[in-house]
Amino acid sequence: MALERTVKKKPTRTHDRRNVWLLVLTTLLVVVSAVLFTPPNEKINQGLDIQGGLSVVLTAKSTDGEPVTPEDMEKSRAIIESRVNALGASEATVQEQGTDQILVQIPGLSDTEEALATIGRTGSLEFARLDSFTDEEVKEAIESGQYAGESSVTDEFGNVFPSGKTEHLEVEPGTYTPIVTGADITNVTIGKASEASTDYAVNITLNSQGAKAFADASRELVADHGQIVIILDGEVQSAPAVQSEIPNGEVSITGNYTLDEAKNLQTILESGSLPVSFEYAQSQVVGPTLGQDALVSGVIVALIGLAVVMLYLLLFYKGLGLITAAAMAVFAVLYLGILAALSAFHLFSLSLAGIAGIVLTIGMAADSSILTVERFREEIRMGRSVKAASITGVKHAIFTSIDADLVTMVSALCLFFLAASSVKGFGMTLALGIICDIVMMVIFKAPLIRLLAPKVIARHPGFWGIKDSIEASKGYAALAAAEGVSEREAETGSQMSAAETREIADADDPADASQTVRAARKIKGRFIKHDINFLGYRKVFLTVAAVAMVACLAIVGFRGLNFGIEFVGGTSVAFHGTGETTIEQMRDAFADAGEPDAVIQTTETSGEPGFLVRTTTTSPEDATARATQVADALGMTANDFEVTTIGPDWGASVIQSSLIAFLVSILLIIVYIAIRFEYKMGVMAIVALLHDLILVVGIYALVGREVNPNTIAALLTILGYSLYDTVVVFHRINDNMKGEDIRCTFMTMANHSMNQVFIRTINTTLTSFIPVFAMLLFGGETLKDFAFAMAIGLIAGSYSSIAIACPLYCMWKTREPKFAKLQKKYGTEIGRFEFDHSASTGIAQVPLARLEAQKVETVAVEAVEASAGTPTGKNAAPAKPKQTSNKKKKHKHGRAQ
């Protein structure tokens, strides 16, 4: 007996010890994370769109027609990084993006015009003899001194005004022969152009090879005072005449430079010339005030979403809600700790898109908690002890959550590695949230429930919200005894056929029938007492979905989409805190700045009036200068506006990278689902996903809301979120499909599986929708754009899982020979599990038997007649009634009544 007791208890002690160590590990991680992120505003890096600064995307353009090589991009990145460092910027980011772009972000930068004039210039310096020029018009212009002058602008009335900027003559490569280039420079200094001049010059020292070439040229040109033309990035800076031989390689570059312009040129020449030319694909100047307002609203949204979700879980699940709330708190602390750790190594900066990702992970953490709690309660109702349910139920729930999380992770990683712009940051925060959710489930939530279940939860079922499940299990046990089936089958029968359940109970014990049925049905929180016939209305659902998709495509075709400047190119200037400024004053100010055709809209941010101005200008330098001129004219500062300039190719690159991320996600998701379940599920999940995306795009076209990169991020997020819900439903169908105790059509089994997770779908949709709705109400403009698409997508995703993915999958699956035979045997009606109670005393045959009612009745009559005709002897034993069998029976399905 001692040995027997040891065998029983040793695993328990081992499991308890392991659970305790996991909770100890959780405590240590929580403490470390809290230290890492405290205080959050100092330990977590803030992105440029929050603290303000400059962000530009440079696209490489080859000058010789050859493709841009990785070596050229790396050399260019290093040169641009040295230029950015020379500006004195701290925590600046210079990194390659894709194959031909370089992203430059300089948080906290005040003089954005200076930076724009420095970081992207090719810096190709050349000295050429004037007599080497082959273009006679250019040659004559240089000889007459017409190679530089102040540019002008023309207003809408035809008046010409000076722009205040110097415009240089452009020359084509190959039309002259360089003497020396920037590669020959060894030193660069700044000095006055002359003792009496107010202009500055850039003085350079050439290496020995360059000095010799320059000396030879100056020696030949000194006799007739020939000119040496100084060319920077294809523009003539100056063309001084040679007055004497220059043998020492010290040359002065003049071009009417101010001190700042001379310093910029010095930085460019010192860093070297870029191997390829670059164009500004995107330029964004962000004011810190707007960014901080958005940060505050994002934090408020996150806190509101977290508080409401935790309160909802507490009300719905009572004591188990405390565990889910604690799990979400642990999730939040671990999440912030990871962000702080990455920030310490300069691998993460919190952006507005990142805030949206964080808010959405709140819903995902709640989803996994709901899955765990629902499965735990379900296992108890099925007749398992509280302790056993804490092991099997939590295990099944974690596997389901991990499956759904990994599908979402696929899309998150595709966004991070393949997408561009703010979509990339969103993908990173989403992936980190998924990792935290999985870790939190494994090391905290599961061990905590398993430790509390045997003694704490089992002894206080009312407080922990499982009392109704225990009482229901007793009712199901009574039904199971009457029916001769397992408690799981008894619950299924009760849900499927209330009338038959009552009939069975009456037949077994009429006195206790009512109480037995009530006990089985009294489950608090289960609003759906019996299965809804979802698949019975599959044709209606699919027709509605098809009509909706056709209508959305038609709306997009006729109305089109309102693409933002990110996709069509141009400049967007957002002014905030404009006070009493009128739209007429803003329009006049832009007209005076050379933008008479600017499109001006009024806006409101955090209760303060503002303006959003769009122009067709794609030059970041010009756009920033004009915005500054307008701000000065209206009495504003540089912190009162933000400028975003998009080149015409930027939108195409964003769409292309997003589409690549989308297609790769689809392929990987189908592969994962095919390996984990089967390929048919993967295909139908993608079909449902396309429905969701088309629906969101159609509504965007209908309401005319602007489509920007945040919209693309939301659409790609719907990809993962919609699949999350679909995978949970498919996971239950897959589990039930393996069971041998369910003998019915595939449609009926799948319909019951959908009903089993329906309450979970309602709860998780609500907990996911709450933070998104909070974003829509309280978030800044960036968050609102994101939330609008997500709100539609969440509703569409929950609907499509039940109304599209499952019906299409079931229709496809039913065609398989195995399930086609079942449908031929049991009929096409859906939604009614029935039991074969032939072994139960006094219980009539269920619909399957009624299909052969006449045959059964005939056999019964013949048996009675045969029995009546048998003579009774004294040794004959009296007939015994059939006793209720507790042996497990098979479910059978017949026609719906």
Foldseek 3Di string as FASTA:
>chain_A
DVVVVCVVCVVVVVLLVVLVVLVVVLVVLLVLLCVLCVVVVPLFFAFCQAQWFKKFKKFFDFPPPDDDDPVLVVLLQQLLVLLVVVVVAPLWDWADDPDGMIMTTGHPDDPVLLSLVFRQFQFKKFKFFLVQAPPVVVSVCQVVVNFKDFDWFAFPVGDIDTQPDMDGHFDDPPRTDTQDILVQWDAWDKDCPDPPDQFIKIKTAGHPSSLVSQQVVLVVQQVVQTWMFIATSRTTQHTGTRPHGRRGRIDIGHRRHHPSRNVSSNSSSVSHGRNTHIDTQKMKGHFNVQSNLQVVLLVVLLVQLLVVLLVVLCVQQFQLSVLLNVLLVSLVSSLSSVSSVCVVVSNDHDDSLLSLLSSLLSLLLSLLSLQLSLQLLVVLLQPDANLVSLPVSLVLSLVLSLLLLVLLLLLLVLQQPQFDDSSNSSSVSNNSSSVSSSSSSPSPSSSVSNNCRPPNCNVCVPNRRNPLSNLLSVLLVLLLLLQLAGSVVSLLQCQQDVPQSLLSLCQRPVVCSVVSSCSNQPRPPLPRSHFDLLLVCLVVLVVVLVVLLVLLVVLCVPQNAAADCLAAWWKKKKFWQLPPDDPVLLLVLLSVLNFNPKDKDWDAWPNTIIIIITGRDQSPSSQVVSVCSSCVVSVHGSSRMMMMGRDNCRNVSNVVSLVVSVVSSLVVQLVSCCVVARNLLSVLLVVLLVSLLSNLSSVNSVVRDYDDSLLSSLSSSLSSLLSSLLSSLVSQLRVQVPDPQEQAASSQSSSVSCSSCVSSLVSSLVSSLSSLVSQCVRRTPSSVSSSSSNNSSSVSSSSSSSNGSSSVSSVVVCPPPVNVVRCVLAHDAHRHKAAQSVQRFPRDGDQSVVVVVVVVVVVVVVVVVVVVPDDDDPPDDDDDTRHRHNHHHHIYHHHDD
